[in-house]
Amino acid sequence: MHSMAETLFTCTNIYGQSYYPYRGMVPKNKSGWQKDGIDNGKTALVVDDQKNIDILYTDASGKVASAKNDGAEIINLSEKKSSIVIVVSYPNNTLESYYFFETKEKKYEMIMQQTKYGTMIEKSSTFRGECK
C-alpha cells in the first residue's frame, strides 16, 4: 500500500456462527455449529491512491495486520454506489469474502464469510460487523 491510504470502512462487533468439521484437532464434542466472533476485533477496508485495496484487521490481542502483507490475493468483485464485495485468498489455508454495504437506515455493515482449510483446526464461518 502507498502511504496515502484512505479507510473506506472500519467494522467492529464482529460475531456470527462457525461450523467446525470433525477433523484434525477438533474433538467430536466441539465439532458442528458454534457461536463465534472476534472479541475486540476490527476489520478495515482501505484503498491507496493507486486504487489498490487491502483488508486491515485487529485480532483480540490488539495486533494489526494487513491481508496483502500476509501474502493474500485481494480481488474487488463488485463496487456499486452503496456496496462493495471483496474476495481475499490466503495461500493454501484461508478464503474470505467481504460484503460491505449501506442499509436502508443509512447504517453500514459487513458480512464476512471465511473458510479455513488445510490447518489443524478447520472451520467455515459467517460473521456480521457494524461499520463506520
C-alpha atoms as a PDB file:
ATOM      1  CA  MET A   1       0.000   0.000   0.000  1.00  0.00           C
ATOM      2  CA  HIS A   2       1.146   3.511  -0.676  1.00  0.00           C
ATOM      3  CA  SER A   3       1.320   5.821   2.311  1.00  0.00           C
ATOM      4  CA  MET A   4      -1.777   7.770   1.225  1.00  0.00           C
ATOM      5  CA  ALA A   5      -4.310   5.073   2.121  1.00  0.00           C
ATOM      6  CA  GLU A   6      -7.948   6.001   2.729  1.00  0.00           C
ATOM      7  CA  THR A   7     -10.115   3.938   5.066  1.00  0.00           C
ATOM      8  CA  LEU A   8     -13.464   3.218   3.418  1.00  0.00           C
ATOM      9  CA  PHE A   9     -14.964   1.148   6.263  1.00  0.00           C
ATOM     10  CA  THR A  10     -13.951   0.216   9.807  1.00  0.00           C
ATOM     11  CA  CYS A  11     -16.040  -2.565  11.329  1.00  0.00           C
ATOM     12  CA  THR A  12     -16.378  -3.833  14.909  1.00  0.00           C
ATOM     13  CA  ASN A  13     -18.718  -6.101  16.918  1.00  0.00           C
ATOM     14  CA  ILE A  14     -17.868  -8.972  14.564  1.00  0.00           C
ATOM     15  CA  TYR A  15     -19.880 -12.041  15.550  1.00  0.00           C
ATOM     16  CA  GLY A  16     -21.700 -14.921  13.914  1.00  0.00           C
ATOM     17  CA  GLN A  17     -21.588 -18.692  13.511  1.00  0.00           C
ATOM     18  CA  SER A  18     -18.851 -21.163  12.578  1.00  0.00           C
ATOM     19  CA  TYR A  19     -19.005 -24.789  11.554  1.00  0.00           C
ATOM     20  CA  TYR A  20     -16.113 -26.938  12.798  1.00  0.00           C
ATOM     21  CA  PRO A  21     -15.830 -30.277  10.945  1.00  0.00           C
ATOM     22  CA  TYR A  22     -14.819 -33.313  12.955  1.00  0.00           C
ATOM     23  CA  ARG A  23     -11.270 -33.344  11.538  1.00  0.00           C
ATOM     24  CA  GLY A  24      -7.719 -32.521  12.608  1.00  0.00           C
ATOM     25  CA  MET A  25      -7.541 -31.277  16.198  1.00  0.00           C
ATOM     26  CA  VAL A  26     -11.326 -30.741  16.565  1.00  0.00           C
ATOM     27  CA  PRO A  27     -12.770 -33.229  19.096  1.00  0.00           C
ATOM     28  CA  LYS A  28     -16.211 -34.698  18.380  1.00  0.00           C
ATOM     29  CA  ASN A  29     -17.864 -32.711  21.214  1.00  0.00           C
ATOM     30  CA  LYS A  30     -16.543 -29.409  19.740  1.00  0.00           C
ATOM     31  CA  SER A  31     -17.455 -30.169  16.122  1.00  0.00           C
ATOM     32  CA  GLY A  32     -20.548 -28.757  14.435  1.00  0.00           C
ATOM     33  CA  TRP A  33     -22.072 -25.286  14.622  1.00  0.00           C
ATOM     34  CA  GLN A  34     -20.807 -22.860  17.281  1.00  0.00           C
ATOM     35  CA  LYS A  35     -21.397 -19.196  18.100  1.00  0.00           C
ATOM     36  CA  ASP A  36     -18.177 -17.423  17.162  1.00  0.00           C
ATOM     37  CA  GLY A  37     -16.693 -13.983  16.806  1.00  0.00           C
ATOM     38  CA  ILE A  38     -13.652 -11.776  17.060  1.00  0.00           C
ATOM     39  CA  ASP A  39     -13.605 -10.271  20.561  1.00  0.00           C
ATOM     40  CA  ASN A  40     -12.349  -6.675  20.401  1.00  0.00           C
ATOM     41  CA  GLY A  41     -11.535  -7.265  16.727  1.00  0.00           C
ATOM     42  CA  LYS A  42     -11.695  -4.682  13.954  1.00  0.00           C
ATOM     43  CA  THR A  43     -11.710  -5.051  10.192  1.00  0.00           C
ATOM     44  CA  ALA A  44     -10.995  -2.144   7.853  1.00  0.00           C
ATOM     45  CA  LEU A  45     -11.217  -1.805   4.089  1.00  0.00           C
ATOM     46  CA  VAL A  46      -8.584   0.608   2.815  1.00  0.00           C
ATOM     47  CA  VAL A  47      -7.640   1.873  -0.641  1.00  0.00           C
ATOM     48  CA  ASP A  48      -4.468   3.695  -1.662  1.00  0.00           C
ATOM     49  CA  ASP A  49      -4.012   6.479  -4.209  1.00  0.00           C
ATOM     50  CA  GLN A  50      -3.329   3.832  -6.888  1.00  0.00           C
ATOM     51  CA  LYS A  51      -6.740   2.194  -6.159  1.00  0.00           C
ATOM     52  CA  ASN A  52      -5.092  -0.861  -4.565  1.00  0.00           C
ATOM     53  CA  ILE A  53      -7.295  -2.307  -1.839  1.00  0.00           C
ATOM     54  CA  ASP A  54      -6.330  -4.066   1.375  1.00  0.00           C
ATOM     55  CA  ILE A  55      -8.045  -5.526   4.404  1.00  0.00           C
ATOM     56  CA  LEU A  56      -6.532  -4.500   7.739  1.00  0.00           C
ATOM     57  CA  TYR A  57      -7.609  -6.458  10.773  1.00  0.00           C
ATOM     58  CA  THR A  58      -7.020  -6.301  14.504  1.00  0.00           C
ATOM     59  CA  ASP A  59      -7.267  -9.500  16.494  1.00  0.00           C
ATOM     60  CA  ALA A  60      -8.180  -9.979  20.168  1.00  0.00           C
ATOM     61  CA  SER A  61      -4.557  -9.337  21.182  1.00  0.00           C
ATOM     62  CA  GLY A  62      -4.647  -5.886  19.558  1.00  0.00           C
ATOM     63  CA  LYS A  63      -2.204  -6.743  16.745  1.00  0.00           C
ATOM     64  CA  VAL A  64      -2.958  -5.000  13.418  1.00  0.00           C
ATOM     65  CA  ALA A  65      -2.212  -6.988  10.279  1.00  0.00           C
ATOM     66  CA  SER A  66      -2.594  -6.483   6.535  1.00  0.00           C
ATOM     67  CA  ALA A  67      -4.042  -9.156   4.229  1.00  0.00           C
ATOM     68  CA  LYS A  68      -1.632  -8.071   1.473  1.00  0.00           C
ATOM     69  CA  ASN A  69       1.362  -8.213   3.810  1.00  0.00           C
ATOM     70  CA  ASP A  70       0.218 -11.698   4.874  1.00  0.00           C
ATOM     71  CA  GLY A  71       0.512 -12.813   1.239  1.00  0.00           C
ATOM     72  CA  ALA A  72      -3.167 -12.697   0.298  1.00  0.00           C
ATOM     73  CA  GLU A  73      -4.528 -12.032  -3.161  1.00  0.00           C
ATOM     74  CA  ILE A  74      -7.330  -9.445  -2.966  1.00  0.00           C
ATOM     75  CA  ILE A  75      -9.960  -9.129  -5.673  1.00  0.00           C
ATOM     76  CA  ASN A  76     -12.599  -6.397  -5.920  1.00  0.00           C
ATOM     77  CA  LEU A  77     -15.550  -8.376  -7.346  1.00  0.00           C
ATOM     78  CA  SER A  78     -18.191  -5.659  -7.350  1.00  0.00           C
ATOM     79  CA  GLU A  79     -18.340  -1.995  -6.448  1.00  0.00           C
ATOM     80  CA  LYS A  80     -21.626  -0.097  -6.508  1.00  0.00           C
ATOM     81  CA  LYS A  81     -22.812   3.201  -5.060  1.00  0.00           C
ATOM     82  CA  SER A  82     -23.738   1.674  -1.683  1.00  0.00           C
ATOM     83  CA  SER A  83     -21.811  -1.615  -1.561  1.00  0.00           C
ATOM     84  CA  ILE A  84     -18.565  -3.374  -2.344  1.00  0.00           C
ATOM     85  CA  VAL A  85     -17.681  -7.087  -2.482  1.00  0.00           C
ATOM     86  CA  ILE A  86     -14.090  -8.233  -1.905  1.00  0.00           C
ATOM     87  CA  VAL A  87     -12.571 -11.723  -2.082  1.00  0.00           C
ATOM     88  CA  VAL A  88      -9.362 -12.451  -0.154  1.00  0.00           C
ATOM     89  CA  SER A  89      -7.391 -15.640  -0.763  1.00  0.00           C
ATOM     90  CA  TYR A  90      -4.511 -16.587   1.527  1.00  0.00           C
ATOM     91  CA  PRO A  91      -2.176 -19.199   0.017  1.00  0.00           C
ATOM     92  CA  ASN A  92      -3.097 -22.766   0.968  1.00  0.00           C
ATOM     93  CA  ASN A  93      -5.284 -22.140   4.024  1.00  0.00           C
ATOM     94  CA  THR A  94      -7.968 -19.404   4.007  1.00  0.00           C
ATOM     95  CA  LEU A  95     -10.584 -17.968   1.670  1.00  0.00           C
ATOM     96  CA  GLU A  96     -12.659 -14.935   2.699  1.00  0.00           C
ATOM     97  CA  SER A  97     -15.389 -12.843   1.129  1.00  0.00           C
ATOM     98  CA  TYR A  98     -16.385  -9.427   2.439  1.00  0.00           C
ATOM     99  CA  TYR A  99     -19.638  -7.630   1.635  1.00  0.00           C
ATOM    100  CA  PHE A 100     -19.636  -4.010   2.851  1.00  0.00           C
ATOM    101  CA  PHE A 101     -22.967  -2.211   2.383  1.00  0.00           C
ATOM    102  CA  GLU A 102     -25.272   0.604   3.436  1.00  0.00           C
ATOM    103  CA  THR A 103     -28.636  -0.368   4.935  1.00  0.00           C
ATOM    104  CA  LYS A 104     -31.967   1.380   4.324  1.00  0.00           C
ATOM    105  CA  GLU A 105     -31.395   3.117   7.685  1.00  0.00           C
ATOM    106  CA  LYS A 106     -28.160   4.666   6.311  1.00  0.00           C
ATOM    107  CA  LYS A 107     -26.030   2.461   8.577  1.00  0.00           C
ATOM    108  CA  TYR A 108     -23.047   0.454   7.360  1.00  0.00           C
ATOM    109  CA  GLU A 109     -22.478  -3.257   7.885  1.00  0.00           C
ATOM    110  CA  MET A 110     -20.117  -6.007   6.810  1.00  0.00           C
ATOM    111  CA  ILE A 111     -20.826  -9.669   6.170  1.00  0.00           C
ATOM    112  CA  MET A 112     -17.657 -11.760   6.151  1.00  0.00           C
ATOM    113  CA  GLN A 113     -17.551 -15.404   5.132  1.00  0.00           C
ATOM    114  CA  GLN A 114     -14.391 -17.340   5.878  1.00  0.00           C
ATOM    115  CA  THR A 115     -13.228 -20.891   5.227  1.00  0.00           C
ATOM    116  CA  LYS A 116     -10.031 -22.114   6.878  1.00  0.00           C
ATOM    117  CA  TYR A 117      -8.746 -25.363   5.382  1.00  0.00           C
ATOM    118  CA  GLY A 118      -5.563 -27.420   5.465  1.00  0.00           C
ATOM    119  CA  THR A 119      -4.942 -26.405   9.090  1.00  0.00           C
ATOM    120  CA  MET A 120      -5.197 -28.324  12.347  1.00  0.00           C
ATOM    121  CA  ILE A 121      -8.474 -26.540  13.169  1.00  0.00           C
ATOM    122  CA  GLU A 122     -10.600 -26.115  10.038  1.00  0.00           C
ATOM    123  CA  LYS A 123     -13.821 -24.092  10.014  1.00  0.00           C
ATOM    124  CA  SER A 124     -16.281 -22.206   7.866  1.00  0.00           C
ATOM    125  CA  SER A 125     -17.788 -19.025   9.302  1.00  0.00           C
ATOM    126  CA  THR A 126     -20.242 -16.247   8.589  1.00  0.00           C
ATOM    127  CA  PHE A 127     -19.782 -13.074  10.623  1.00  0.00           C
ATOM    128  CA  ARG A 128     -21.565  -9.704  10.719  1.00  0.00           C
ATOM    129  CA  GLY A 129     -19.945  -6.463  11.803  1.00  0.00           C
ATOM    130  CA  GLU A 130     -21.107  -2.887  12.370  1.00  0.00           C
ATOM    131  CA  CYS A 131     -19.158  -0.354  10.315  1.00  0.00           C
ATOM    132  CA  LYS A 132     -18.411   3.339  10.147  1.00  0.00           C
END
